Amino acid sequence: TVSPLEQGQGIGKKLLAAAEEYGQIL
């Protein structure tokens, strides 16, 4: 989820990368 007012600023990509890092750590 990214606020509709904030979409297109790379927040979703950052969250996706953080999720992948979380999976790696586990």
mmCIF file of all heavy atoms, coordinates in Angstrom:
data_MODEL
# 
_entry.id   MODEL 
# 
loop_
_atom_site.group_PDB 
_atom_site.id 
_atom_site.type_symbol 
_atom_site.label_atom_id 
_atom_site.label_alt_id 
_atom_site.label_comp_id 
_atom_site.label_asym_id 
_atom_site.label_entity_id 
_atom_site.label_seq_id 
_atom_site.pdbx_PDB_ins_code 
_atom_site.Cartn_x 
_atom_site.Cartn_y 
_atom_site.Cartn_z 
_atom_site.occupancy 
_atom_site.B_iso_or_equiv 
_atom_site.pdbx_formal_charge 
_atom_site.auth_seq_id 
_atom_site.auth_comp_id 
_atom_site.auth_asym_id 
_atom_site.auth_atom_id 
_atom_site.pdbx_PDB_model_num 
ATOM 1   N N   . THR A 1 1  ? 0.826  -1.201  0.000   1.00 0.00 ? 1  THR A N   1 
ATOM 2   C CA  . THR A 1 1  ? 0.000  0.000   0.000   1.00 0.00 ? 1  THR A CA  1 
ATOM 3   C C   . THR A 1 1  ? 0.862  1.252   0.000   1.00 0.00 ? 1  THR A C   1 
ATOM 4   O O   . THR A 1 1  ? 1.812  1.351   0.775   1.00 0.00 ? 1  THR A O   1 
ATOM 5   C CB  . THR A 1 1  ? -0.875 0.036   1.270   1.00 0.00 ? 1  THR A CB  1 
ATOM 6   O OG1 . THR A 1 1  ? -1.633 -1.164  1.363   1.00 0.00 ? 1  THR A OG1 1 
ATOM 7   C CG2 . THR A 1 1  ? -1.810 1.233   1.267   1.00 0.00 ? 1  THR A CG2 1 
ATOM 8   N N   . VAL A 1 2  ? 0.502  2.189   -0.862  1.00 0.00 ? 2  VAL A N   1 
ATOM 9   C CA  . VAL A 1 2  ? 1.091  3.521   -0.836  1.00 0.00 ? 2  VAL A CA  1 
ATOM 10  C C   . VAL A 1 2  ? -0.064 4.510   -0.927  1.00 0.00 ? 2  VAL A C   1 
ATOM 11  O O   . VAL A 1 2  ? -0.992 4.324   -1.719  1.00 0.00 ? 2  VAL A O   1 
ATOM 12  C CB  . VAL A 1 2  ? 2.081  3.740   -2.004  1.00 0.00 ? 2  VAL A CB  1 
ATOM 13  C CG1 . VAL A 1 2  ? 2.612  5.172   -2.009  1.00 0.00 ? 2  VAL A CG1 1 
ATOM 14  C CG2 . VAL A 1 2  ? 3.233  2.740   -1.936  1.00 0.00 ? 2  VAL A CG2 1 
ATOM 15  N N   . SER A 1 3  ? -0.017 5.531   -0.113  1.00 0.00 ? 3  SER A N   1 
ATOM 16  C CA  . SER A 1 3  ? -1.058 6.562   -0.155  1.00 0.00 ? 3  SER A CA  1 
ATOM 17  C C   . SER A 1 3  ? -1.266 7.023   -1.595  1.00 0.00 ? 3  SER A C   1 
ATOM 18  O O   . SER A 1 3  ? -0.295 7.286   -2.310  1.00 0.00 ? 3  SER A O   1 
ATOM 19  C CB  . SER A 1 3  ? -0.631 7.754   0.707   1.00 0.00 ? 3  SER A CB  1 
ATOM 20  O OG  . SER A 1 3  ? -1.434 8.881   0.414   1.00 0.00 ? 3  SER A OG  1 
ATOM 21  N N   . PRO A 1 4  ? -2.525 7.134   -2.046  1.00 0.00 ? 4  PRO A N   1 
ATOM 22  C CA  . PRO A 1 4  ? -2.781 7.596   -3.413  1.00 0.00 ? 4  PRO A CA  1 
ATOM 23  C C   . PRO A 1 4  ? -2.136 8.956   -3.706  1.00 0.00 ? 4  PRO A C   1 
ATOM 24  O O   . PRO A 1 4  ? -1.783 9.234   -4.844  1.00 0.00 ? 4  PRO A O   1 
ATOM 25  C CB  . PRO A 1 4  ? -4.307 7.684   -3.481  1.00 0.00 ? 4  PRO A CB  1 
ATOM 26  C CG  . PRO A 1 4  ? -4.789 6.732   -2.457  1.00 0.00 ? 4  PRO A CG  1 
ATOM 27  C CD  . PRO A 1 4  ? -3.768 6.778   -1.348  1.00 0.00 ? 4  PRO A CD  1 
ATOM 28  N N   . LEU A 1 5  ? -1.941 9.766   -2.688  1.00 0.00 ? 5  LEU A N   1 
ATOM 29  C CA  . LEU A 1 5  ? -1.329 11.082  -2.869  1.00 0.00 ? 5  LEU A CA  1 
ATOM 30  C C   . LEU A 1 5  ? 0.189  11.015  -2.981  1.00 0.00 ? 5  LEU A C   1 
ATOM 31  O O   . LEU A 1 5  ? 0.828  12.000  -3.355  1.00 0.00 ? 5  LEU A O   1 
ATOM 32  C CB  . LEU A 1 5  ? -1.727 12.001  -1.705  1.00 0.00 ? 5  LEU A CB  1 
ATOM 33  C CG  . LEU A 1 5  ? -3.226 12.151  -1.468  1.00 0.00 ? 5  LEU A CG  1 
ATOM 34  C CD1 . LEU A 1 5  ? -3.491 12.967  -0.207  1.00 0.00 ? 5  LEU A CD1 1 
ATOM 35  C CD2 . LEU A 1 5  ? -3.909 12.774  -2.677  1.00 0.00 ? 5  LEU A CD2 1 
ATOM 36  N N   . GLU A 1 6  ? 0.761  9.859   -2.664  1.00 0.00 ? 6  GLU A N   1 
ATOM 37  C CA  . GLU A 1 6  ? 2.223  9.691   -2.671  1.00 0.00 ? 6  GLU A CA  1 
ATOM 38  C C   . GLU A 1 6  ? 2.697  8.689   -3.723  1.00 0.00 ? 6  GLU A C   1 
ATOM 39  O O   . GLU A 1 6  ? 3.893  8.419   -3.816  1.00 0.00 ? 6  GLU A O   1 
ATOM 40  C CB  . GLU A 1 6  ? 2.701  9.219   -1.289  1.00 0.00 ? 6  GLU A CB  1 
ATOM 41  C CG  . GLU A 1 6  ? 2.235  10.071  -0.124  1.00 0.00 ? 6  GLU A CG  1 
ATOM 42  C CD  . GLU A 1 6  ? 2.867  11.442  -0.080  1.00 0.00 ? 6  GLU A CD  1 
ATOM 43  O OE1 . GLU A 1 6  ? 4.027  11.595  -0.508  1.00 0.00 ? 6  GLU A OE1 1 
ATOM 44  O OE2 . GLU A 1 6  ? 2.185  12.385  0.371   1.00 0.00 ? 6  GLU A OE2 1 
ATOM 45  N N   . GLN A 1 7  ? 1.783  8.113   -4.496  1.00 0.00 ? 7  GLN A N   1 
ATOM 46  C CA  . GLN A 1 7  ? 2.177  7.101   -5.476  1.00 0.00 ? 7  GLN A CA  1 
ATOM 47  C C   . GLN A 1 7  ? 3.039  7.710   -6.575  1.00 0.00 ? 7  GLN A C   1 
ATOM 48  O O   . GLN A 1 7  ? 2.931  8.888   -6.883  1.00 0.00 ? 7  GLN A O   1 
ATOM 49  C CB  . GLN A 1 7  ? 0.936  6.424   -6.049  1.00 0.00 ? 7  GLN A CB  1 
ATOM 50  C CG  . GLN A 1 7  ? 0.245  5.567   -5.017  1.00 0.00 ? 7  GLN A CG  1 
ATOM 51  C CD  . GLN A 1 7  ? -1.022 4.900   -5.507  1.00 0.00 ? 7  GLN A CD  1 
ATOM 52  O OE1 . GLN A 1 7  ? -1.329 4.899   -6.685  1.00 0.00 ? 7  GLN A OE1 1 
ATOM 53  N NE2 . GLN A 1 7  ? -1.768 4.319   -4.585  1.00 0.00 ? 7  GLN A NE2 1 
ATOM 54  N N   . GLY A 1 8  ? 3.921  6.875   -7.131  1.00 0.00 ? 8  GLY A N   1 
ATOM 55  C CA  . GLY A 1 8  ? 4.807  7.325   -8.194  1.00 0.00 ? 8  GLY A CA  1 
ATOM 56  C C   . GLY A 1 8  ? 6.103  7.931   -7.685  1.00 0.00 ? 8  GLY A C   1 
ATOM 57  O O   . GLY A 1 8  ? 6.884  8.472   -8.476  1.00 0.00 ? 8  GLY A O   1 
ATOM 58  N N   . GLN A 1 9  ? 6.361  7.832   -6.392  1.00 0.00 ? 9  GLN A N   1 
ATOM 59  C CA  . GLN A 1 9  ? 7.577  8.415   -5.809  1.00 0.00 ? 9  GLN A CA  1 
ATOM 60  C C   . GLN A 1 9  ? 8.578  7.355   -5.345  1.00 0.00 ? 9  GLN A C   1 
ATOM 61  O O   . GLN A 1 9  ? 9.547  7.672   -4.662  1.00 0.00 ? 9  GLN A O   1 
ATOM 62  C CB  . GLN A 1 9  ? 7.209  9.330   -4.641  1.00 0.00 ? 9  GLN A CB  1 
ATOM 63  C CG  . GLN A 1 9  ? 6.342  10.498  -5.052  1.00 0.00 ? 9  GLN A CG  1 
ATOM 64  C CD  . GLN A 1 9  ? 5.967  11.383  -3.873  1.00 0.00 ? 9  GLN A CD  1 
ATOM 65  O OE1 . GLN A 1 9  ? 6.662  11.414  -2.864  1.00 0.00 ? 9  GLN A OE1 1 
ATOM 66  N NE2 . GLN A 1 9  ? 4.874  12.101  -4.004  1.00 0.00 ? 9  GLN A NE2 1 
ATOM 67  N N   . GLY A 1 10 ? 8.338  6.097   -5.689  1.00 0.00 ? 10 GLY A N   1 
ATOM 68  C CA  . GLY A 1 10 ? 9.277  5.033   -5.350  1.00 0.00 ? 10 GLY A CA  1 
ATOM 69  C C   . GLY A 1 10 ? 9.055  4.370   -3.998  1.00 0.00 ? 10 GLY A C   1 
ATOM 70  O O   . GLY A 1 10 ? 9.837  3.507   -3.597  1.00 0.00 ? 10 GLY A O   1 
ATOM 71  N N   . ILE A 1 11 ? 8.000  4.739   -3.291  1.00 0.00 ? 11 ILE A N   1 
ATOM 72  C CA  . ILE A 1 11 ? 7.745  4.147   -1.970  1.00 0.00 ? 11 ILE A CA  1 
ATOM 73  C C   . ILE A 1 11 ? 7.437  2.658   -2.104  1.00 0.00 ? 11 ILE A C   1 
ATOM 74  O O   . ILE A 1 11 ? 7.942  1.843   -1.325  1.00 0.00 ? 11 ILE A O   1 
ATOM 75  C CB  . ILE A 1 11 ? 6.606  4.901   -1.247  1.00 0.00 ? 11 ILE A CB  1 
ATOM 76  C CG1 . ILE A 1 11 ? 7.023  6.349   -0.977  1.00 0.00 ? 11 ILE A CG1 1 
ATOM 77  C CG2 . ILE A 1 11 ? 6.214  4.192   0.051   1.00 0.00 ? 11 ILE A CG2 1 
ATOM 78  C CD1 . ILE A 1 11 ? 5.907  7.253   -0.484  1.00 0.00 ? 11 ILE A CD1 1 
ATOM 79  N N   . GLY A 1 12 ? 6.624  2.285   -3.072  1.00 0.00 ? 12 GLY A N   1 
ATOM 80  C CA  . GLY A 1 12 ? 6.308  0.872   -3.280  1.00 0.00 ? 12 GLY A CA  1 
ATOM 81  C C   . GLY A 1 12 ? 7.552  0.049   -3.572  1.00 0.00 ? 12 GLY A C   1 
ATOM 82  O O   . GLY A 1 12 ? 7.720  -1.055  -3.041  1.00 0.00 ? 12 GLY A O   1 
ATOM 83  N N   . LYS A 1 13 ? 8.447  0.575   -4.403  1.00 0.00 ? 13 LYS A N   1 
ATOM 84  C CA  . LYS A 1 13 ? 9.701  -0.127  -4.709  1.00 0.00 ? 13 LYS A CA  1 
ATOM 85  C C   . LYS A 1 13 ? 10.540 -0.306  -3.459  1.00 0.00 ? 13 LYS A C   1 
ATOM 86  O O   . LYS A 1 13 ? 11.156 -1.357  -3.250  1.00 0.00 ? 13 LYS A O   1 
ATOM 87  C CB  . LYS A 1 13 ? 10.498 0.658   -5.754  1.00 0.00 ? 13 LYS A CB  1 
ATOM 88  C CG  . LYS A 1 13 ? 9.893  0.651   -7.125  1.00 0.00 ? 13 LYS A CG  1 
ATOM 89  C CD  . LYS A 1 13 ? 10.701 1.514   -8.063  1.00 0.00 ? 13 LYS A CD  1 
ATOM 90  C CE  . LYS A 1 13 ? 9.924  1.696   -9.360  1.00 0.00 ? 13 LYS A CE  1 
ATOM 91  N NZ  . LYS A 1 13 ? 10.557 2.659   -10.246 1.00 0.00 ? 13 LYS A NZ  1 
ATOM 92  N N   . LYS A 1 14 ? 10.585 0.722   -2.606  1.00 0.00 ? 14 LYS A N   1 
ATOM 93  C CA  . LYS A 1 14 ? 11.364 0.626   -1.369  1.00 0.00 ? 14 LYS A CA  1 
ATOM 94  C C   . LYS A 1 14 ? 10.774 -0.414  -0.431  1.00 0.00 ? 14 LYS A C   1 
ATOM 95  O O   . LYS A 1 14 ? 11.504 -1.172  0.204   1.00 0.00 ? 14 LYS A O   1 
ATOM 96  C CB  . LYS A 1 14 ? 11.429 1.991   -0.684  1.00 0.00 ? 14 LYS A CB  1 
ATOM 97  C CG  . LYS A 1 14 ? 12.288 2.990   -1.434  1.00 0.00 ? 14 LYS A CG  1 
ATOM 98  C CD  . LYS A 1 14 ? 12.238 4.359   -0.811  1.00 0.00 ? 14 LYS A CD  1 
ATOM 99  C CE  . LYS A 1 14 ? 13.028 5.341   -1.664  1.00 0.00 ? 14 LYS A CE  1 
ATOM 100 N NZ  . LYS A 1 14 ? 12.861 6.722   -1.225  1.00 0.00 ? 14 LYS A NZ  1 
ATOM 101 N N   . LEU A 1 15 ? 9.449  -0.464  -0.338  1.00 0.00 ? 15 LEU A N   1 
ATOM 102 C CA  . LEU A 1 15 ? 8.802  -1.468  0.508   1.00 0.00 ? 15 LEU A CA  1 
ATOM 103 C C   . LEU A 1 15 ? 9.030  -2.873  -0.042  1.00 0.00 ? 15 LEU A C   1 
ATOM 104 O O   . LEU A 1 15 ? 9.257  -3.816  0.721   1.00 0.00 ? 15 LEU A O   1 
ATOM 105 C CB  . LEU A 1 15 ? 7.311  -1.170  0.638   1.00 0.00 ? 15 LEU A CB  1 
ATOM 106 C CG  . LEU A 1 15 ? 6.964  -0.015  1.574   1.00 0.00 ? 15 LEU A CG  1 
ATOM 107 C CD1 . LEU A 1 15 ? 5.526  0.448   1.345   1.00 0.00 ? 15 LEU A CD1 1 
ATOM 108 C CD2 . LEU A 1 15 ? 7.171  -0.415  3.032   1.00 0.00 ? 15 LEU A CD2 1 
ATOM 109 N N   . LEU A 1 16 ? 8.994  -3.016  -1.360  1.00 0.00 ? 16 LEU A N   1 
ATOM 110 C CA  . LEU A 1 16 ? 9.244  -4.312  -1.982  1.00 0.00 ? 16 LEU A CA  1 
ATOM 111 C C   . LEU A 1 16 ? 10.673 -4.771  -1.685  1.00 0.00 ? 16 LEU A C   1 
ATOM 112 O O   . LEU A 1 16 ? 10.903 -5.928  -1.327  1.00 0.00 ? 16 LEU A O   1 
ATOM 113 C CB  . LEU A 1 16 ? 9.015  -4.191  -3.497  1.00 0.00 ? 16 LEU A CB  1 
ATOM 114 C CG  . LEU A 1 16 ? 8.578  -5.412  -4.270  1.00 0.00 ? 16 LEU A CG  1 
ATOM 115 C CD1 . LEU A 1 16 ? 7.341  -6.053  -3.692  1.00 0.00 ? 16 LEU A CD1 1 
ATOM 116 C CD2 . LEU A 1 16 ? 8.355  -5.045  -5.728  1.00 0.00 ? 16 LEU A CD2 1 
ATOM 117 N N   . ALA A 1 17 ? 11.632 -3.859  -1.798  1.00 0.00 ? 17 ALA A N   1 
ATOM 118 C CA  . ALA A 1 17 ? 13.033 -4.190  -1.500  1.00 0.00 ? 17 ALA A CA  1 
ATOM 119 C C   . ALA A 1 17 ? 13.205 -4.553  -0.028  1.00 0.00 ? 17 ALA A C   1 
ATOM 120 O O   . ALA A 1 17 ? 13.932 -5.500  0.311   1.00 0.00 ? 17 ALA A O   1 
ATOM 121 C CB  . ALA A 1 17 ? 13.942 -3.025  -1.881  1.00 0.00 ? 17 ALA A CB  1 
ATOM 122 N N   . ALA A 1 18 ? 12.534 -3.833  0.858   1.00 0.00 ? 18 ALA A N   1 
ATOM 123 C CA  . ALA A 1 18 ? 12.608 -4.131  2.295   1.00 0.00 ? 18 ALA A CA  1 
ATOM 124 C C   . ALA A 1 18 ? 12.012 -5.503  2.586   1.00 0.00 ? 18 ALA A C   1 
ATOM 125 O O   . ALA A 1 18 ? 12.528 -6.245  3.436   1.00 0.00 ? 18 ALA A O   1 
ATOM 126 C CB  . ALA A 1 18 ? 11.893 -3.047  3.100   1.00 0.00 ? 18 ALA A CB  1 
ATOM 127 N N   . ALA A 1 19 ? 10.948 -5.867  1.877   1.00 0.00 ? 19 ALA A N   1 
ATOM 128 C CA  . ALA A 1 19 ? 10.333 -7.189  2.059   1.00 0.00 ? 19 ALA A CA  1 
ATOM 129 C C   . ALA A 1 19 ? 11.306 -8.289  1.633   1.00 0.00 ? 19 ALA A C   1 
ATOM 130 O O   . ALA A 1 19 ? 11.437 -9.313  2.318   1.00 0.00 ? 19 ALA A O   1 
ATOM 131 C CB  . ALA A 1 19 ? 9.040  -7.281  1.250   1.00 0.00 ? 19 ALA A CB  1 
ATOM 132 N N   . GLU A 1 20 ? 11.994 -8.070  0.522   1.00 0.00 ? 20 GLU A N   1 
ATOM 133 C CA  . GLU A 1 20 ? 12.962 -9.056  0.046   1.00 0.00 ? 20 GLU A CA  1 
ATOM 134 C C   . GLU A 1 20 ? 14.113 -9.199  1.043   1.00 0.00 ? 20 GLU A C   1 
ATOM 135 O O   . GLU A 1 20 ? 14.560 -10.309 1.332   1.00 0.00 ? 20 GLU A O   1 
ATOM 136 C CB  . GLU A 1 20 ? 13.457 -8.674  -1.345  1.00 0.00 ? 20 GLU A CB  1 
ATOM 137 C CG  . GLU A 1 20 ? 12.368 -8.803  -2.391  1.00 0.00 ? 20 GLU A CG  1 
ATOM 138 C CD  . GLU A 1 20 ? 12.749 -8.248  -3.754  1.00 0.00 ? 20 GLU A CD  1 
ATOM 139 O OE1 . GLU A 1 20 ? 13.942 -7.985  -4.003  1.00 0.00 ? 20 GLU A OE1 1 
ATOM 140 O OE2 . GLU A 1 20 ? 11.828 -8.080  -4.587  1.00 0.00 ? 20 GLU A OE2 1 
ATOM 141 N N   . GLU A 1 21 ? 14.578 -8.083  1.579   1.00 0.00 ? 21 GLU A N   1 
ATOM 142 C CA  . GLU A 1 21 ? 15.643 -8.115  2.578   1.00 0.00 ? 21 GLU A CA  1 
ATOM 143 C C   . GLU A 1 21 ? 15.173 -8.865  3.836   1.00 0.00 ? 21 GLU A C   1 
ATOM 144 O O   . GLU A 1 21 ? 15.918 -9.659  4.411   1.00 0.00 ? 21 GLU A O   1 
ATOM 145 C CB  . GLU A 1 21 ? 16.057 -6.691  2.934   1.00 0.00 ? 21 GLU A CB  1 
ATOM 146 C CG  . GLU A 1 21 ? 17.212 -6.613  3.904   1.00 0.00 ? 21 GLU A CG  1 
ATOM 147 C CD  . GLU A 1 21 ? 17.614 -5.182  4.200   1.00 0.00 ? 21 GLU A CD  1 
ATOM 148 O OE1 . GLU A 1 21 ? 17.537 -4.328  3.301   1.00 0.00 ? 21 GLU A OE1 1 
ATOM 149 O OE2 . GLU A 1 21 ? 17.982 -4.917  5.362   1.00 0.00 ? 21 GLU A OE2 1 
ATOM 150 N N   . TYR A 1 22 ? 13.942 -8.621  4.241   1.00 0.00 ? 22 TYR A N   1 
ATOM 151 C CA  . TYR A 1 22 ? 13.356 -9.312  5.392   1.00 0.00 ? 22 TYR A CA  1 
ATOM 152 C C   . TYR A 1 22 ? 13.353 -10.827 5.145   1.00 0.00 ? 22 TYR A C   1 
ATOM 153 O O   . TYR A 1 22 ? 13.720 -11.613 6.015   1.00 0.00 ? 22 TYR A O   1 
ATOM 154 C CB  . TYR A 1 22 ? 11.944 -8.775  5.622   1.00 0.00 ? 22 TYR A CB  1 
ATOM 155 C CG  . TYR A 1 22 ? 11.212 -9.354  6.795   1.00 0.00 ? 22 TYR A CG  1 
ATOM 156 C CD1 . TYR A 1 22 ? 11.486 -8.945  8.093   1.00 0.00 ? 22 TYR A CD1 1 
ATOM 157 C CD2 . TYR A 1 22 ? 10.209 -10.310 6.609   1.00 0.00 ? 22 TYR A CD2 1 
ATOM 158 C CE1 . TYR A 1 22 ? 10.795 -9.468  9.180   1.00 0.00 ? 22 TYR A CE1 1 
ATOM 159 C CE2 . TYR A 1 22 ? 9.516  -10.835 7.689   1.00 0.00 ? 22 TYR A CE2 1 
ATOM 160 C CZ  . TYR A 1 22 ? 9.815  -10.412 8.969   1.00 0.00 ? 22 TYR A CZ  1 
ATOM 161 O OH  . TYR A 1 22 ? 9.126  -10.939 10.034  1.00 0.00 ? 22 TYR A OH  1 
ATOM 162 N N   . GLY A 1 23 ? 12.944 -11.235 3.950   1.00 0.00 ? 23 GLY A N   1 
ATOM 163 C CA  . GLY A 1 23 ? 12.939 -12.652 3.595   1.00 0.00 ? 23 GLY A CA  1 
ATOM 164 C C   . GLY A 1 23 ? 14.333 -13.258 3.607   1.00 0.00 ? 23 GLY A C   1 
ATOM 165 O O   . GLY A 1 23 ? 14.523 -14.398 4.045   1.00 0.00 ? 23 GLY A O   1 
ATOM 166 N N   . GLN A 1 24 ? 15.317 -12.495 3.138   1.00 0.00 ? 24 GLN A N   1 
ATOM 167 C CA  . GLN A 1 24 ? 16.712 -12.960 3.166   1.00 0.00 ? 24 GLN A CA  1 
ATOM 168 C C   . GLN A 1 24 ? 17.180 -13.175 4.595   1.00 0.00 ? 24 GLN A C   1 
ATOM 169 O O   . GLN A 1 24 ? 17.791 -14.198 4.909   1.00 0.00 ? 24 GLN A O   1 
ATOM 170 C CB  . GLN A 1 24 ? 17.629 -11.934 2.494   1.00 0.00 ? 24 GLN A CB  1 
ATOM 171 C CG  . GLN A 1 24 ? 17.564 -11.934 0.995   1.00 0.00 ? 24 GLN A CG  1 
ATOM 172 C CD  . GLN A 1 24 ? 18.446 -10.836 0.395   1.00 0.00 ? 24 GLN A CD  1 
ATOM 173 O OE1 . GLN A 1 24 ? 18.673 -9.802  1.014   1.00 0.00 ? 24 GLN A OE1 1 
ATOM 174 N NE2 . GLN A 1 24 ? 18.917 -11.079 -0.813  1.00 0.00 ? 24 GLN A NE2 1 
ATOM 175 N N   . ILE A 1 25 ? 16.897 -12.210 5.458   1.00 0.00 ? 25 ILE A N   1 
ATOM 176 C CA  . ILE A 1 25 ? 17.306 -12.303 6.862   1.00 0.00 ? 25 ILE A CA  1 
ATOM 177 C C   . ILE A 1 25 ? 16.722 -13.555 7.516   1.00 0.00 ? 25 ILE A C   1 
ATOM 178 O O   . ILE A 1 25 ? 17.384 -14.226 8.300   1.00 0.00 ? 25 ILE A O   1 
ATOM 179 C CB  . ILE A 1 25 ? 16.887 -11.033 7.638   1.00 0.00 ? 25 ILE A CB  1 
ATOM 180 C CG1 . ILE A 1 25 ? 17.737 -9.842  7.177   1.00 0.00 ? 25 ILE A CG1 1 
ATOM 181 C CG2 . ILE A 1 25 ? 16.994 -11.233 9.147   1.00 0.00 ? 25 ILE A CG2 1 
ATOM 182 C CD1 . ILE A 1 25 ? 17.218 -8.493  7.641   1.00 0.00 ? 25 ILE A CD1 1 
ATOM 183 N N   . LEU A 1 26 ? 15.494 -13.890 7.149   1.00 0.00 ? 26 LEU A N   1 
ATOM 184 C CA  . LEU A 1 26 ? 14.836 -15.074 7.705   1.00 0.00 ? 26 LEU A CA  1 
ATOM 185 C C   . LEU A 1 26 ? 15.271 -16.369 7.027   1.00 0.00 ? 26 LEU A C   1 
ATOM 186 O O   . LEU A 1 26 ? 14.872 -17.453 7.445   1.00 0.00 ? 26 LEU A O   1 
ATOM 187 C CB  . LEU A 1 26 ? 13.315 -14.926 7.603   1.00 0.00 ? 26 LEU A CB  1 
ATOM 188 C CG  . LEU A 1 26 ? 12.695 -13.812 8.438   1.00 0.00 ? 26 LEU A CG  1 
ATOM 189 C CD1 . LEU A 1 26 ? 11.200 -13.700 8.172   1.00 0.00 ? 26 LEU A CD1 1 
ATOM 190 C CD2 . LEU A 1 26 ? 12.953 -14.021 9.918   1.00 0.00 ? 26 LEU A CD2 1 
# 
